[in-house]
Amino acid sequence: MPQRMTVTIKDIAKMAGVSHPTVSRALNDDPGVNEETRRKILRIAKQLNYVPNLAAKRLAERKSNCIGMIWPAFESMFFYNLSKEIQREAGKKGMSVLLSLDEPVEAMRTLNQQFVDHVIYWAAPDWEAPAEFLKEKERFKGDMLLIGGGTVEDAHCLKIDRRQGIYEAVRYLAELGHSRIGFIGQTTDKLVGFTQGIVDSRLDFRKDFLVSIGDSHSADEPFDEKAVTDLLLGSGKPTAFVLDSQVTFFQLARMLRRHKIRVPEDLSLIVYDDVPELQLFEVPLSTIGPPLHVLAERAIAMLTEKNAADEVTPCWQVEEIKSELVIRHSATPPPL
């Protein structure tokens, strides 16, 4: 069976006796085409079963109906689940998502080549945009949103209140009766929230109960296992820990199994990052963190909602999402 030839606007132009730019304007309902000519062109297009070349249309318009995401290139259930939520919310708007795990400058260059309409970039609070990234951003014609706390000129910003979340976790453990609470994590605003929670709960601040992972924002950086082992097996040991990420929890969980330390009978835990997987353990974990669906909903809304006055000059929005404490079975009163 012979293959059917694709009908082009040039074929329609030839039958209508007009130029192909005229056909293009008529099909796109653009001004500048006589109404009788427009009806003739539309009739011929229907007779020929003309199907628009969407790829060519996107190239001409520099539009893709697509959101580009620049995501950290390390393994994390948080980023996996958040990307799924963002894709789900984008789908509700009829948009697709293109995810890049490249270095930010290369990722931005690729997304520019794909003519994406919007860019979502995960940026830590202390992130500073390098010159090459800013150069690529200047070439980008759409809107950009930074999630995580980092900022850049002419872009929306969706921040996360991590400090208050960790503060509430400490206060909750103190209300349960814990007076010896430890922290494992990076030296960030989470540690600030932990310290403030200890002070406001009128507990003794124990520097030896802090296990610092350092200032790096690499999610897979391990903590000092010997320091934690010495804490857990020593006298006057912590009865509860607040952990700054689910990655930290997985490393600690291996240690707890090795030393036969039970949660929550021997040690209560509250983990930052409320991801679904943390509910699936034999002892579902109490968590603190921004609700993923709220982050995704606000991210898509900030990029796609027009200003109330539909201004030509964009209004760059800055919002902050609160962390929520979710109590499950891993945090109970301390052992007697």
C-alpha atoms as a PDB file:
ATOM      1  CA  MET A   1       0.000   0.000   0.000  1.00  0.00           C
ATOM      2  CA  PRO A   2       1.594   3.323  -1.054  1.00  0.00           C
ATOM      3  CA  GLN A   3       2.526   5.707   1.763  1.00  0.00           C
ATOM      4  CA  ARG A   4       0.328   8.777   2.011  1.00  0.00           C
ATOM      5  CA  MET A   5       2.120  12.050   1.247  1.00  0.00           C
ATOM      6  CA  THR A   6       2.170  14.712   3.955  1.00  0.00           C
ATOM      7  CA  VAL A   7       0.177  17.817   3.051  1.00  0.00           C
ATOM      8  CA  THR A   8       2.068  21.084   3.603  1.00  0.00           C
ATOM      9  CA  ILE A   9       0.991  24.715   3.619  1.00  0.00           C
ATOM     10  CA  LYS A  10       2.712  25.053   0.239  1.00  0.00           C
ATOM     11  CA  ASP A  11       0.228  22.516  -1.187  1.00  0.00           C
ATOM     12  CA  ILE A  12      -2.655  24.521   0.233  1.00  0.00           C
ATOM     13  CA  ALA A  13      -1.153  27.778  -1.089  1.00  0.00           C
ATOM     14  CA  LYS A  14      -0.871  26.322  -4.595  1.00  0.00           C
ATOM     15  CA  MET A  15      -4.535  25.229  -4.640  1.00  0.00           C
ATOM     16  CA  ALA A  16      -5.741  28.514  -3.147  1.00  0.00           C
ATOM     17  CA  GLY A  17      -3.600  30.643  -5.459  1.00  0.00           C
ATOM     18  CA  VAL A  18      -1.959  32.551  -2.596  1.00  0.00           C
ATOM     19  CA  SER A  19       1.469  32.701  -0.952  1.00  0.00           C
ATOM     20  CA  HIS A  20       2.327  30.212   1.777  1.00  0.00           C
ATOM     21  CA  PRO A  21       2.805  33.033   4.399  1.00  0.00           C
ATOM     22  CA  THR A  22      -0.826  33.953   3.701  1.00  0.00           C
ATOM     23  CA  VAL A  23      -1.839  30.354   4.343  1.00  0.00           C
ATOM     24  CA  SER A  24       0.151  30.341   7.601  1.00  0.00           C
ATOM     25  CA  ARG A  25      -1.568  33.517   8.804  1.00  0.00           C
ATOM     26  CA  ALA A  26      -5.000  32.168   7.894  1.00  0.00           C
ATOM     27  CA  LEU A  27      -4.461  28.854   9.683  1.00  0.00           C
ATOM     28  CA  ASN A  28      -3.183  30.632  12.796  1.00  0.00           C
ATOM     29  CA  ASP A  29      -6.039  33.142  12.725  1.00  0.00           C
ATOM     30  CA  ASP A  30      -3.569  36.013  12.425  1.00  0.00           C
ATOM     31  CA  PRO A  31      -4.684  39.424  11.077  1.00  0.00           C
ATOM     32  CA  GLY A  32      -3.934  40.613   7.553  1.00  0.00           C
ATOM     33  CA  VAL A  33      -5.914  38.024   5.569  1.00  0.00           C
ATOM     34  CA  ASN A  34      -9.093  38.816   3.643  1.00  0.00           C
ATOM     35  CA  GLU A  35     -12.032  36.989   5.257  1.00  0.00           C
ATOM     36  CA  GLU A  36     -13.111  35.351   1.986  1.00  0.00           C
ATOM     37  CA  THR A  37      -9.547  34.171   1.375  1.00  0.00           C
ATOM     38  CA  ARG A  38      -9.317  32.852   4.946  1.00  0.00           C
ATOM     39  CA  ARG A  39     -12.495  30.761   4.514  1.00  0.00           C
ATOM     40  CA  LYS A  40     -11.185  29.396   1.201  1.00  0.00           C
ATOM     41  CA  ILE A  41      -7.886  28.366   2.766  1.00  0.00           C
ATOM     42  CA  LEU A  42      -9.599  26.687   5.729  1.00  0.00           C
ATOM     43  CA  ARG A  43     -11.916  24.800   3.363  1.00  0.00           C
ATOM     44  CA  ILE A  44      -8.991  23.492   1.279  1.00  0.00           C
ATOM     45  CA  ALA A  45      -7.046  22.530   4.423  1.00  0.00           C
ATOM     46  CA  LYS A  46     -10.034  20.505   5.613  1.00  0.00           C
ATOM     47  CA  GLN A  47     -10.454  18.819   2.238  1.00  0.00           C
ATOM     48  CA  LEU A  48      -6.782  17.776   2.216  1.00  0.00           C
ATOM     49  CA  ASN A  49      -6.887  16.619   5.878  1.00  0.00           C
ATOM     50  CA  TYR A  50      -4.048  19.000   6.667  1.00  0.00           C
ATOM     51  CA  VAL A  51      -2.257  18.279   9.987  1.00  0.00           C
ATOM     52  CA  PRO A  52      -0.028  21.111  11.343  1.00  0.00           C
ATOM     53  CA  ASN A  53       3.658  20.371  11.816  1.00  0.00           C
ATOM     54  CA  LEU A  54       3.878  21.065  15.562  1.00  0.00           C
ATOM     55  CA  ALA A  55       7.648  20.734  15.681  1.00  0.00           C
ATOM     56  CA  ALA A  56       8.047  23.396  12.993  1.00  0.00           C
ATOM     57  CA  LYS A  57       5.460  25.584  14.729  1.00  0.00           C
ATOM     58  CA  ARG A  58       7.313  25.355  18.024  1.00  0.00           C
ATOM     59  CA  LEU A  59      10.598  26.165  16.301  1.00  0.00           C
ATOM     60  CA  ALA A  60       9.094  29.220  14.655  1.00  0.00           C
ATOM     61  CA  GLU A  61       7.413  30.431  17.833  1.00  0.00           C
ATOM     62  CA  ARG A  62      10.255  29.402  20.153  1.00  0.00           C
ATOM     63  CA  LYS A  63       7.595  27.690  22.306  1.00  0.00           C
ATOM     64  CA  SER A  64       7.440  24.105  23.519  1.00  0.00           C
ATOM     65  CA  ASN A  65       4.681  24.028  26.176  1.00  0.00           C
ATOM     66  CA  CYS A  66       7.402  22.469  28.307  1.00  0.00           C
ATOM     67  CA  ILE A  67       8.999  23.143  31.689  1.00  0.00           C
ATOM     68  CA  GLY A  68      12.704  22.452  32.050  1.00  0.00           C
ATOM     69  CA  MET A  69      13.989  21.309  35.447  1.00  0.00           C
ATOM     70  CA  ILE A  70      17.632  21.551  36.543  1.00  0.00           C
ATOM     71  CA  TRP A  71      17.953  19.021  39.349  1.00  0.00           C
ATOM     72  CA  PRO A  72      20.821  17.934  41.664  1.00  0.00           C
ATOM     73  CA  ALA A  73      22.675  14.912  40.300  1.00  0.00           C
ATOM     74  CA  PHE A  74      22.775  12.912  43.526  1.00  0.00           C
ATOM     75  CA  GLU A  75      20.439  10.177  44.681  1.00  0.00           C
ATOM     76  CA  SER A  76      17.653  11.399  46.923  1.00  0.00           C
ATOM     77  CA  MET A  77      14.085  10.244  47.462  1.00  0.00           C
ATOM     78  CA  PHE A  78      13.147  13.857  48.134  1.00  0.00           C
ATOM     79  CA  PHE A  79      14.137  15.060  44.668  1.00  0.00           C
ATOM     80  CA  TYR A  80      12.678  11.970  43.016  1.00  0.00           C
ATOM     81  CA  ASN A  81       9.303  12.475  44.698  1.00  0.00           C
ATOM     82  CA  LEU A  82       9.279  16.239  44.195  1.00  0.00           C
ATOM     83  CA  SER A  83      10.003  15.842  40.469  1.00  0.00           C
ATOM     84  CA  LYS A  84       7.051  13.423  40.216  1.00  0.00           C
ATOM     85  CA  GLU A  85       4.755  15.920  41.950  1.00  0.00           C
ATOM     86  CA  ILE A  86       5.915  18.747  39.668  1.00  0.00           C
ATOM     87  CA  GLN A  87       5.347  16.582  36.596  1.00  0.00           C
ATOM     88  CA  ARG A  88       1.852  15.738  37.852  1.00  0.00           C
ATOM     89  CA  GLU A  89       0.992  19.398  38.410  1.00  0.00           C
ATOM     90  CA  ALA A  90       2.428  20.402  35.035  1.00  0.00           C
ATOM     91  CA  GLY A  91       0.313  17.702  33.378  1.00  0.00           C
ATOM     92  CA  LYS A  92      -2.819  19.315  34.816  1.00  0.00           C
ATOM     93  CA  LYS A  93      -1.857  22.428  32.817  1.00  0.00           C
ATOM     94  CA  GLY A  94      -1.249  20.377  29.669  1.00  0.00           C
ATOM     95  CA  MET A  95       2.514  20.880  29.947  1.00  0.00           C
ATOM     96  CA  SER A  96       5.372  18.407  29.753  1.00  0.00           C
ATOM     97  CA  VAL A  97       8.565  18.364  31.828  1.00  0.00           C
ATOM     98  CA  LEU A  98      12.155  18.003  30.648  1.00  0.00           C
ATOM     99  CA  LEU A  99      14.570  17.039  33.438  1.00  0.00           C
ATOM    100  CA  SER A 100      18.320  17.687  33.311  1.00  0.00           C
ATOM    101  CA  LEU A 101      20.889  16.376  35.800  1.00  0.00           C
ATOM    102  CA  ASP A 102      23.790  18.135  34.044  1.00  0.00           C
ATOM    103  CA  GLU A 103      25.879  20.840  35.622  1.00  0.00           C
ATOM    104  CA  PRO A 104      23.723  23.999  35.809  1.00  0.00           C
ATOM    105  CA  VAL A 105      25.490  25.881  33.008  1.00  0.00           C
ATOM    106  CA  GLU A 106      25.305  22.942  30.590  1.00  0.00           C
ATOM    107  CA  ALA A 107      21.727  22.199  31.641  1.00  0.00           C
ATOM    108  CA  MET A 108      20.695  25.810  31.005  1.00  0.00           C
ATOM    109  CA  ARG A 109      22.366  25.700  27.594  1.00  0.00           C
ATOM    110  CA  THR A 110      20.482  22.519  26.679  1.00  0.00           C
ATOM    111  CA  LEU A 111      17.134  23.901  27.848  1.00  0.00           C
ATOM    112  CA  ASN A 112      17.704  27.037  25.783  1.00  0.00           C
ATOM    113  CA  GLN A 113      18.229  24.833  22.735  1.00  0.00           C
ATOM    114  CA  GLN A 114      14.939  23.047  23.471  1.00  0.00           C
ATOM    115  CA  PHE A 115      13.023  26.363  23.677  1.00  0.00           C
ATOM    116  CA  VAL A 116      11.377  25.433  27.003  1.00  0.00           C
ATOM    117  CA  ASP A 117       8.866  27.994  28.248  1.00  0.00           C
ATOM    118  CA  HIS A 118       9.877  27.879  31.932  1.00  0.00           C
ATOM    119  CA  VAL A 119      12.819  26.685  34.016  1.00  0.00           C
ATOM    120  CA  ILE A 120      12.742  25.331  37.573  1.00  0.00           C
ATOM    121  CA  TYR A 121      16.152  25.211  39.246  1.00  0.00           C
ATOM    122  CA  TRP A 122      16.912  23.728  42.667  1.00  0.00           C
ATOM    123  CA  ALA A 123      19.304  26.118  44.402  1.00  0.00           C
ATOM    124  CA  ALA A 124      20.548  25.879  48.005  1.00  0.00           C
ATOM    125  CA  PRO A 125      20.180  28.994  50.193  1.00  0.00           C
ATOM    126  CA  ASP A 126      23.853  29.974  49.858  1.00  0.00           C
ATOM    127  CA  TRP A 127      24.018  29.343  46.095  1.00  0.00           C
ATOM    128  CA  GLU A 128      25.718  32.020  44.015  1.00  0.00           C
ATOM    129  CA  ALA A 129      25.153  32.012  40.262  1.00  0.00           C
ATOM    130  CA  PRO A 130      28.399  31.747  38.248  1.00  0.00           C
ATOM    131  CA  ALA A 131      28.942  34.166  35.366  1.00  0.00           C
ATOM    132  CA  GLU A 132      28.461  31.466  32.713  1.00  0.00           C
ATOM    133  CA  PHE A 133      25.092  30.511  34.187  1.00  0.00           C
ATOM    134  CA  LEU A 134      23.957  34.144  34.179  1.00  0.00           C
ATOM    135  CA  LYS A 135      25.013  34.413  30.540  1.00  0.00           C
ATOM    136  CA  GLU A 136      22.853  31.420  29.613  1.00  0.00           C
ATOM    137  CA  LYS A 137      20.002  32.804  31.694  1.00  0.00           C
ATOM    138  CA  GLU A 138      20.175  36.075  29.735  1.00  0.00           C
ATOM    139  CA  ARG A 139      19.561  34.080  26.566  1.00  0.00           C
ATOM    140  CA  PHE A 140      16.484  32.435  28.091  1.00  0.00           C
ATOM    141  CA  LYS A 141      13.229  34.140  27.073  1.00  0.00           C
ATOM    142  CA  GLY A 142      10.876  32.476  29.565  1.00  0.00           C
ATOM    143  CA  ASP A 143      10.333  32.650  33.323  1.00  0.00           C
ATOM    144  CA  MET A 144      12.635  30.999  35.850  1.00  0.00           C
ATOM    145  CA  LEU A 145      11.825  29.743  39.336  1.00  0.00           C
ATOM    146  CA  LEU A 146      14.419  28.876  41.976  1.00  0.00           C
ATOM    147  CA  ILE A 147      13.332  26.385  44.654  1.00  0.00           C
ATOM    148  CA  GLY A 148      15.290  25.824  47.855  1.00  0.00           C
ATOM    149  CA  GLY A 149      16.308  29.282  48.995  1.00  0.00           C
ATOM    150  CA  GLY A 150      18.807  30.476  46.400  1.00  0.00           C
ATOM    151  CA  THR A 151      18.055  33.674  44.503  1.00  0.00           C
ATOM    152  CA  VAL A 152      18.999  35.279  41.216  1.00  0.00           C
ATOM    153  CA  GLU A 153      17.900  38.507  39.576  1.00  0.00           C
ATOM    154  CA  ASP A 154      14.706  38.427  37.478  1.00  0.00           C
ATOM    155  CA  ALA A 155      13.416  35.060  38.705  1.00  0.00           C
ATOM    156  CA  HIS A 156      10.706  33.755  41.003  1.00  0.00           C
ATOM    157  CA  CYS A 157      11.850  32.283  44.319  1.00  0.00           C
ATOM    158  CA  LEU A 158      10.194  29.539  46.376  1.00  0.00           C
ATOM    159  CA  LYS A 159      11.908  29.257  49.758  1.00  0.00           C
ATOM    160  CA  ILE A 160      11.532  26.601  52.465  1.00  0.00           C
ATOM    161  CA  ASP A 161      11.401  27.363  56.190  1.00  0.00           C
ATOM    162  CA  ARG A 162      13.682  24.578  57.398  1.00  0.00           C
ATOM    163  CA  ARG A 163      14.738  26.325  60.595  1.00  0.00           C
ATOM    164  CA  GLN A 164      11.235  26.525  62.062  1.00  0.00           C
ATOM    165  CA  GLY A 165      10.549  22.913  61.130  1.00  0.00           C
ATOM    166  CA  ILE A 166      13.569  21.568  63.011  1.00  0.00           C
ATOM    167  CA  TYR A 167      12.706  23.898  65.907  1.00  0.00           C
ATOM    168  CA  GLU A 168       9.241  22.324  66.163  1.00  0.00           C
ATOM    169  CA  ALA A 169      10.751  18.824  66.100  1.00  0.00           C
ATOM    170  CA  VAL A 170      12.976  19.651  69.085  1.00  0.00           C
ATOM    171  CA  ARG A 171      10.099  21.240  70.991  1.00  0.00           C
ATOM    172  CA  TYR A 172       7.931  18.164  70.395  1.00  0.00           C
ATOM    173  CA  LEU A 173      10.629  15.804  71.702  1.00  0.00           C
ATOM    174  CA  ALA A 174      11.105  18.026  74.755  1.00  0.00           C
ATOM    175  CA  GLU A 175       7.359  17.921  75.431  1.00  0.00           C
ATOM    176  CA  LEU A 176       7.549  14.111  75.342  1.00  0.00           C
ATOM    177  CA  GLY A 177      10.089  14.308  78.158  1.00  0.00           C
ATOM    178  CA  HIS A 178      13.394  14.060  76.267  1.00  0.00           C
ATOM    179  CA  SER A 179      16.120  16.168  77.844  1.00  0.00           C
ATOM    180  CA  ARG A 180      19.073  14.648  75.940  1.00  0.00           C
ATOM    181  CA  ILE A 181      18.478  15.347  72.240  1.00  0.00           C
ATOM    182  CA  GLY A 182      21.162  15.017  69.569  1.00  0.00           C
ATOM    183  CA  PHE A 183      21.473  16.347  66.023  1.00  0.00           C
ATOM    184  CA  ILE A 184      23.196  14.841  62.985  1.00  0.00           C
ATOM    185  CA  GLY A 185      23.511  17.065  59.944  1.00  0.00           C
ATOM    186  CA  GLN A 186      25.126  19.878  58.053  1.00  0.00           C
ATOM    187  CA  THR A 187      25.903  23.316  59.411  1.00  0.00           C
ATOM    188  CA  THR A 188      22.886  25.071  57.903  1.00  0.00           C
ATOM    189  CA  ASP A 189      19.696  26.821  59.011  1.00  0.00           C
ATOM    190  CA  LYS A 190      18.509  23.413  60.271  1.00  0.00           C
ATOM    191  CA  LEU A 191      21.211  23.465  62.942  1.00  0.00           C
ATOM    192  CA  VAL A 192      20.145  27.010  63.852  1.00  0.00           C
ATOM    193  CA  GLY A 193      16.587  25.758  64.363  1.00  0.00           C
ATOM    194  CA  PHE A 194      17.828  22.854  66.470  1.00  0.00           C
ATOM    195  CA  THR A 195      19.912  25.113  68.706  1.00  0.00           C
ATOM    196  CA  GLN A 196      17.040  27.562  69.196  1.00  0.00           C
ATOM    197  CA  GLY A 197      14.704  24.683  70.044  1.00  0.00           C
ATOM    198  CA  ILE A 198      17.090  23.417  72.728  1.00  0.00           C
ATOM    199  CA  VAL A 199      17.448  26.892  74.248  1.00  0.00           C
ATOM    200  CA  ASP A 200      13.707  27.660  74.216  1.00  0.00           C
ATOM    201  CA  SER A 201      12.942  24.251  75.730  1.00  0.00           C
ATOM    202  CA  ARG A 202      15.352  25.144  78.571  1.00  0.00           C
ATOM    203  CA  LEU A 203      17.509  22.108  77.955  1.00  0.00           C
ATOM    204  CA  ASP A 204      21.267  21.955  78.392  1.00  0.00           C
ATOM    205  CA  PHE A 205      23.040  22.652  75.113  1.00  0.00           C
ATOM    206  CA  ARG A 206      25.414  19.726  74.658  1.00  0.00           C
ATOM    207  CA  LYS A 207      27.993  20.355  71.954  1.00  0.00           C
ATOM    208  CA  ASP A 208      29.003  16.686  72.144  1.00  0.00           C
ATOM    209  CA  PHE A 209      25.442  15.780  71.032  1.00  0.00           C
ATOM    210  CA  LEU A 210      26.019  17.526  67.686  1.00  0.00           C
ATOM    211  CA  VAL A 211      27.468  15.427  64.854  1.00  0.00           C
ATOM    212  CA  SER A 212      28.292  17.820  62.024  1.00  0.00           C
ATOM    213  CA  ILE A 213      28.489  16.673  58.418  1.00  0.00           C
ATOM    214  CA  GLY A 214      30.118  19.970  57.452  1.00  0.00           C
ATOM    215  CA  ASP A 215      29.087  22.809  55.182  1.00  0.00           C
ATOM    216  CA  SER A 216      28.778  20.831  51.953  1.00  0.00           C
ATOM    217  CA  HIS A 217      25.358  20.515  50.329  1.00  0.00           C
ATOM    218  CA  SER A 218      26.100  17.059  48.944  1.00  0.00           C
ATOM    219  CA  ALA A 219      23.242  14.871  50.131  1.00  0.00           C
ATOM    220  CA  ASP A 220      25.335  11.713  50.154  1.00  0.00           C
ATOM    221  CA  GLU A 221      28.144  12.997  52.406  1.00  0.00           C
ATOM    222  CA  PRO A 222      28.517  10.544  55.334  1.00  0.00           C
ATOM    223  CA  PHE A 223      28.775  11.498  58.973  1.00  0.00           C
ATOM    224  CA  ASP A 224      31.452  10.352  61.400  1.00  0.00           C
ATOM    225  CA  GLU A 225      30.187   6.902  62.474  1.00  0.00           C
ATOM    226  CA  LYS A 226      32.706   6.602  65.305  1.00  0.00           C
ATOM    227  CA  ALA A 227      31.459   9.842  66.865  1.00  0.00           C
ATOM    228  CA  VAL A 228      27.858   8.603  66.733  1.00  0.00           C
ATOM    229  CA  THR A 229      28.811   5.146  68.033  1.00  0.00           C
ATOM    230  CA  ASP A 230      30.633   6.682  70.993  1.00  0.00           C
ATOM    231  CA  LEU A 231      27.534   8.760  71.735  1.00  0.00           C
ATOM    232  CA  LEU A 232      25.073   5.888  71.513  1.00  0.00           C
ATOM    233  CA  LEU A 233      27.130   3.454  73.594  1.00  0.00           C
ATOM    234  CA  GLY A 234      28.388   5.926  76.205  1.00  0.00           C
ATOM    235  CA  SER A 235      26.876   6.952  79.507  1.00  0.00           C
ATOM    236  CA  GLY A 236      24.426   9.826  79.490  1.00  0.00           C
ATOM    237  CA  LYS A 237      23.700   9.098  75.826  1.00  0.00           C
ATOM    238  CA  PRO A 238      21.008  10.939  73.815  1.00  0.00           C
ATOM    239  CA  THR A 239      17.511   9.486  74.034  1.00  0.00           C
ATOM    240  CA  ALA A 240      16.456  11.142  70.767  1.00  0.00           C
ATOM    241  CA  PHE A 241      17.997  12.401  67.533  1.00  0.00           C
ATOM    242  CA  VAL A 242      16.859  14.927  64.962  1.00  0.00           C
ATOM    243  CA  LEU A 243      18.338  14.052  61.550  1.00  0.00           C
ATOM    244  CA  ASP A 244      18.740  16.623  58.787  1.00  0.00           C
ATOM    245  CA  SER A 245      17.818  14.301  55.868  1.00  0.00           C
ATOM    246  CA  GLN A 246      16.590  10.854  54.907  1.00  0.00           C
ATOM    247  CA  VAL A 247      20.099  10.124  53.576  1.00  0.00           C
ATOM    248  CA  THR A 248      21.461  10.662  57.091  1.00  0.00           C
ATOM    249  CA  PHE A 249      18.779   8.343  58.452  1.00  0.00           C
ATOM    250  CA  PHE A 250      19.782   5.446  56.190  1.00  0.00           C
ATOM    251  CA  GLN A 251      23.386   5.632  57.373  1.00  0.00           C
ATOM    252  CA  LEU A 252      22.262   5.790  60.995  1.00  0.00           C
ATOM    253  CA  ALA A 253      19.822   2.880  60.511  1.00  0.00           C
ATOM    254  CA  ARG A 254      22.706   0.577  59.545  1.00  0.00           C
ATOM    255  CA  MET A 255      24.531   1.520  62.732  1.00  0.00           C
ATOM    256  CA  LEU A 256      21.458   0.989  64.895  1.00  0.00           C
ATOM    257  CA  ARG A 257      20.952  -2.526  63.513  1.00  0.00           C
ATOM    258  CA  ARG A 258      24.607  -3.318  64.045  1.00  0.00           C
ATOM    259  CA  HIS A 259      24.462  -2.328  67.723  1.00  0.00           C
ATOM    260  CA  LYS A 260      20.921  -3.699  68.296  1.00  0.00           C
ATOM    261  CA  ILE A 261      19.545  -0.270  69.237  1.00  0.00           C
ATOM    262  CA  ARG A 262      15.773  -0.203  68.812  1.00  0.00           C
ATOM    263  CA  VAL A 263      13.567   2.646  67.557  1.00  0.00           C
ATOM    264  CA  PRO A 264      11.671   3.981  69.448  1.00  0.00           C
ATOM    265  CA  GLU A 265      12.223   1.795  72.544  1.00  0.00           C
ATOM    266  CA  ASP A 266      15.874   2.853  72.950  1.00  0.00           C
ATOM    267  CA  LEU A 267      16.074   5.921  70.708  1.00  0.00           C
ATOM    268  CA  SER A 268      13.450   8.277  69.273  1.00  0.00           C
ATOM    269  CA  LEU A 269      13.973   9.749  65.806  1.00  0.00           C
ATOM    270  CA  ILE A 270      12.546  12.626  63.791  1.00  0.00           C
ATOM    271  CA  VAL A 271      13.847  12.880  60.213  1.00  0.00           C
ATOM    272  CA  TYR A 272      13.839  15.905  57.932  1.00  0.00           C
ATOM    273  CA  ASP A 273      12.253  15.197  54.488  1.00  0.00           C
ATOM    274  CA  ASP A 274       8.695  13.908  54.550  1.00  0.00           C
ATOM    275  CA  VAL A 275       8.928  11.431  51.663  1.00  0.00           C
ATOM    276  CA  PRO A 276       6.438   8.545  51.256  1.00  0.00           C
ATOM    277  CA  GLU A 277       9.086   5.858  51.607  1.00  0.00           C
ATOM    278  CA  LEU A 278       9.739   6.763  55.246  1.00  0.00           C
ATOM    279  CA  GLN A 279       6.254   5.527  56.141  1.00  0.00           C
ATOM    280  CA  LEU A 280       7.028   2.023  54.857  1.00  0.00           C
ATOM    281  CA  PHE A 281       9.488   0.949  57.561  1.00  0.00           C
ATOM    282  CA  GLU A 282       8.482  -1.501  60.267  1.00  0.00           C
ATOM    283  CA  VAL A 283       8.436   1.544  62.520  1.00  0.00           C
ATOM    284  CA  PRO A 284       7.048   4.410  60.386  1.00  0.00           C
ATOM    285  CA  LEU A 285       9.226   7.476  60.855  1.00  0.00           C
ATOM    286  CA  SER A 286       8.139  10.814  62.266  1.00  0.00           C
ATOM    287  CA  THR A 287       9.218  13.515  59.830  1.00  0.00           C
ATOM    288  CA  ILE A 288       9.540  17.237  59.347  1.00  0.00           C
ATOM    289  CA  GLY A 289       9.640  18.997  56.007  1.00  0.00           C
ATOM    290  CA  PRO A 290       7.713  20.891  53.335  1.00  0.00           C
ATOM    291  CA  PRO A 291       4.715  18.999  51.907  1.00  0.00           C
ATOM    292  CA  LEU A 292       5.805  17.898  48.433  1.00  0.00           C
ATOM    293  CA  HIS A 293       2.421  18.485  46.816  1.00  0.00           C
ATOM    294  CA  VAL A 294       2.364  22.050  48.160  1.00  0.00           C
ATOM    295  CA  LEU A 295       5.843  22.751  46.774  1.00  0.00           C
ATOM    296  CA  ALA A 296       4.817  21.411  43.372  1.00  0.00           C
ATOM    297  CA  GLU A 297       1.478  23.248  43.278  1.00  0.00           C
ATOM    298  CA  ARG A 298       3.059  26.581  44.147  1.00  0.00           C
ATOM    299  CA  ALA A 299       5.958  26.076  41.734  1.00  0.00           C
ATOM    300  CA  ILE A 300       3.679  25.505  38.751  1.00  0.00           C
ATOM    301  CA  ALA A 301       1.267  28.248  39.819  1.00  0.00           C
ATOM    302  CA  MET A 302       4.051  30.827  40.165  1.00  0.00           C
ATOM    303  CA  LEU A 303       5.284  30.056  36.661  1.00  0.00           C
ATOM    304  CA  THR A 304       1.950  29.858  34.873  1.00  0.00           C
ATOM    305  CA  GLU A 305      -0.339  32.363  36.609  1.00  0.00           C
ATOM    306  CA  LYS A 306      -0.396  35.750  34.936  1.00  0.00           C
ATOM    307  CA  ASN A 307      -0.165  38.948  36.938  1.00  0.00           C
ATOM    308  CA  ALA A 308      -3.536  40.296  37.988  1.00  0.00           C
ATOM    309  CA  ALA A 309      -3.058  43.323  35.732  1.00  0.00           C
ATOM    310  CA  ASP A 310      -1.462  41.218  32.981  1.00  0.00           C
ATOM    311  CA  GLU A 311       1.483  43.592  33.014  1.00  0.00           C
ATOM    312  CA  VAL A 312       4.113  43.531  30.327  1.00  0.00           C
ATOM    313  CA  THR A 313       6.840  43.804  32.949  1.00  0.00           C
ATOM    314  CA  PRO A 314       6.956  40.522  34.964  1.00  0.00           C
ATOM    315  CA  CYS A 315       6.299  40.627  38.701  1.00  0.00           C
ATOM    316  CA  TRP A 316       8.843  38.312  40.314  1.00  0.00           C
ATOM    317  CA  GLN A 317       7.242  36.467  43.203  1.00  0.00           C
ATOM    318  CA  VAL A 318       8.947  35.338  46.418  1.00  0.00           C
ATOM    319  CA  GLU A 319       7.146  32.828  48.635  1.00  0.00           C
ATOM    320  CA  GLU A 320       8.105  30.631  51.577  1.00  0.00           C
ATOM    321  CA  ILE A 321       6.703  27.162  52.275  1.00  0.00           C
ATOM    322  CA  LYS A 322       6.444  26.095  55.909  1.00  0.00           C
ATOM    323  CA  SER A 323       7.730  22.723  57.066  1.00  0.00           C
ATOM    324  CA  GLU A 324       5.189  20.435  58.723  1.00  0.00           C
ATOM    325  CA  LEU A 325       5.783  18.011  61.592  1.00  0.00           C
ATOM    326  CA  VAL A 326       4.206  14.605  60.901  1.00  0.00           C
ATOM    327  CA  ILE A 327       4.103  12.349  63.962  1.00  0.00           C
ATOM    328  CA  ARG A 328       4.259   8.617  63.363  1.00  0.00           C
ATOM    329  CA  HIS A 329       5.739   5.839  65.542  1.00  0.00           C
ATOM    330  CA  SER A 330       9.466   6.665  65.792  1.00  0.00           C
ATOM    331  CA  ALA A 331       9.114   9.375  68.444  1.00  0.00           C
ATOM    332  CA  THR A 332       7.834   8.366  71.889  1.00  0.00           C
ATOM    333  CA  PRO A 333       8.639   9.339  75.508  1.00  0.00           C
ATOM    334  CA  PRO A 334      12.185   8.414  76.601  1.00  0.00           C
ATOM    335  CA  PRO A 335      12.890   5.035  78.234  1.00  0.00           C
ATOM    336  CA  LEU A 336      12.641   5.004  82.018  1.00  0.00           C
END
